[in-house]
Amino acid sequence: MKDAEHIELLELLVEHPGKVMLSGYDNDLYNGMLQGWRKVQKRTQAEAGIMRTETLWMNYEIGQMKLFS
């Protein structure tokens, strides 16, 4: 994706009224546009055994979901 396409996506997600979870690799563009979102990082093994840090950005707090609420 081009930078303009990333920006367009992020603008749409920031305005989305529902819960959003976005997965990717840590970068300044996402960190800047998703300020205030919860950010979780985890080391994972990518293709060819290369270790990478995956990042999740969420616009909601993580909590246990209740089956009947």
C-alpha atoms as a PDB file:
ATOM      1  CA  MET A   1       0.000   0.000   0.000  1.00  0.00           C
ATOM      2  CA  LYS A   2       1.091   3.547  -0.660  1.00  0.00           C
ATOM      3  CA  ASP A   3       1.298   6.045   2.226  1.00  0.00           C
ATOM      4  CA  ALA A   4      -1.817   7.829   0.956  1.00  0.00           C
ATOM      5  CA  GLU A   5      -3.748   4.546   1.091  1.00  0.00           C
ATOM      6  CA  HIS A   6      -2.589   3.883   4.652  1.00  0.00           C
ATOM      7  CA  ILE A   7      -3.680   7.397   5.635  1.00  0.00           C
ATOM      8  CA  GLU A   8      -7.087   6.919   3.997  1.00  0.00           C
ATOM      9  CA  LEU A   9      -7.575   3.617   5.844  1.00  0.00           C
ATOM     10  CA  LEU A  10      -6.526   5.086   9.188  1.00  0.00           C
ATOM     11  CA  GLU A  11      -8.815   8.108   8.767  1.00  0.00           C
ATOM     12  CA  LEU A  12     -11.759   5.778   8.142  1.00  0.00           C
ATOM     13  CA  LEU A  13     -10.920   3.575  11.118  1.00  0.00           C
ATOM     14  CA  VAL A  14     -10.468   6.520  13.499  1.00  0.00           C
ATOM     15  CA  GLU A  15     -13.986   7.734  12.614  1.00  0.00           C
ATOM     16  CA  HIS A  16     -15.575   4.268  12.750  1.00  0.00           C
ATOM     17  CA  PRO A  17     -18.156   4.131  15.575  1.00  0.00           C
ATOM     18  CA  GLY A  18     -17.571   0.462  16.434  1.00  0.00           C
ATOM     19  CA  LYS A  19     -14.720  -1.517  17.891  1.00  0.00           C
ATOM     20  CA  VAL A  20     -11.641  -1.747  15.679  1.00  0.00           C
ATOM     21  CA  MET A  21      -8.573  -3.977  15.949  1.00  0.00           C
ATOM     22  CA  LEU A  22      -5.764  -3.431  13.454  1.00  0.00           C
ATOM     23  CA  SER A  23      -2.715  -5.674  13.093  1.00  0.00           C
ATOM     24  CA  GLY A  24       0.627  -4.726  11.596  1.00  0.00           C
ATOM     25  CA  TYR A  25       4.191  -3.767  12.387  1.00  0.00           C
ATOM     26  CA  ASP A  26       5.049  -0.799  14.591  1.00  0.00           C
ATOM     27  CA  ASN A  27       5.543   2.410  12.604  1.00  0.00           C
ATOM     28  CA  ASP A  28       5.392   6.178  13.106  1.00  0.00           C
ATOM     29  CA  LEU A  29       2.418   6.778  10.788  1.00  0.00           C
ATOM     30  CA  TYR A  30       0.130   4.351  12.626  1.00  0.00           C
ATOM     31  CA  ASN A  31       1.382   5.446  16.050  1.00  0.00           C
ATOM     32  CA  GLY A  32       0.723   9.080  15.192  1.00  0.00           C
ATOM     33  CA  MET A  33      -2.741   8.631  13.728  1.00  0.00           C
ATOM     34  CA  LEU A  34      -3.872   6.096  16.328  1.00  0.00           C
ATOM     35  CA  GLN A  35      -2.789   8.055  19.407  1.00  0.00           C
ATOM     36  CA  GLY A  36      -4.993   7.168  22.334  1.00  0.00           C
ATOM     37  CA  TRP A  37      -5.665   3.662  21.021  1.00  0.00           C
ATOM     38  CA  ARG A  38      -4.558   0.657  23.064  1.00  0.00           C
ATOM     39  CA  LYS A  39      -1.375  -0.862  21.662  1.00  0.00           C
ATOM     40  CA  VAL A  40      -0.189  -4.418  22.315  1.00  0.00           C
ATOM     41  CA  GLN A  41       3.011  -5.931  20.936  1.00  0.00           C
ATOM     42  CA  LYS A  42       4.118  -9.555  20.729  1.00  0.00           C
ATOM     43  CA  ARG A  43       7.274 -11.170  19.377  1.00  0.00           C
ATOM     44  CA  THR A  44       6.364 -13.755  16.759  1.00  0.00           C
ATOM     45  CA  GLN A  45       8.110 -15.963  14.265  1.00  0.00           C
ATOM     46  CA  ALA A  46       7.490 -14.849  10.697  1.00  0.00           C
ATOM     47  CA  GLU A  47       8.355 -16.582   7.433  1.00  0.00           C
ATOM     48  CA  ALA A  48      11.739 -18.321   7.225  1.00  0.00           C
ATOM     49  CA  GLY A  49      11.990 -18.299  11.026  1.00  0.00           C
ATOM     50  CA  ILE A  50      12.620 -14.554  11.239  1.00  0.00           C
ATOM     51  CA  MET A  51      11.515 -13.027  14.552  1.00  0.00           C
ATOM     52  CA  ARG A  52       9.302  -9.943  14.229  1.00  0.00           C
ATOM     53  CA  THR A  53       7.252  -7.860  16.624  1.00  0.00           C
ATOM     54  CA  GLU A  54       3.576  -7.822  15.678  1.00  0.00           C
ATOM     55  CA  THR A  55       1.524  -4.855  16.841  1.00  0.00           C
ATOM     56  CA  LEU A  56      -2.201  -4.645  17.540  1.00  0.00           C
ATOM     57  CA  TRP A  57      -3.924  -1.258  17.788  1.00  0.00           C
ATOM     58  CA  MET A  58      -7.398  -1.243  19.377  1.00  0.00           C
ATOM     59  CA  ASN A  59      -9.863   1.558  19.998  1.00  0.00           C
ATOM     60  CA  TYR A  60     -11.336  -0.257  23.016  1.00  0.00           C
ATOM     61  CA  GLU A  61     -10.199  -1.778  26.282  1.00  0.00           C
ATOM     62  CA  ILE A  62      -9.587  -5.492  26.407  1.00  0.00           C
ATOM     63  CA  GLY A  63     -11.856  -7.273  28.842  1.00  0.00           C
ATOM     64  CA  GLN A  64     -13.408 -10.635  29.279  1.00  0.00           C
ATOM     65  CA  MET A  65     -16.496 -10.913  27.138  1.00  0.00           C
ATOM     66  CA  LYS A  66     -19.557 -12.299  28.890  1.00  0.00           C
ATOM     67  CA  LEU A  67     -21.593 -14.949  27.185  1.00  0.00           C
ATOM     68  CA  PHE A  68     -24.843 -13.474  28.491  1.00  0.00           C
ATOM     69  CA  SER A  69     -24.682  -9.728  29.006  1.00  0.00           C
END
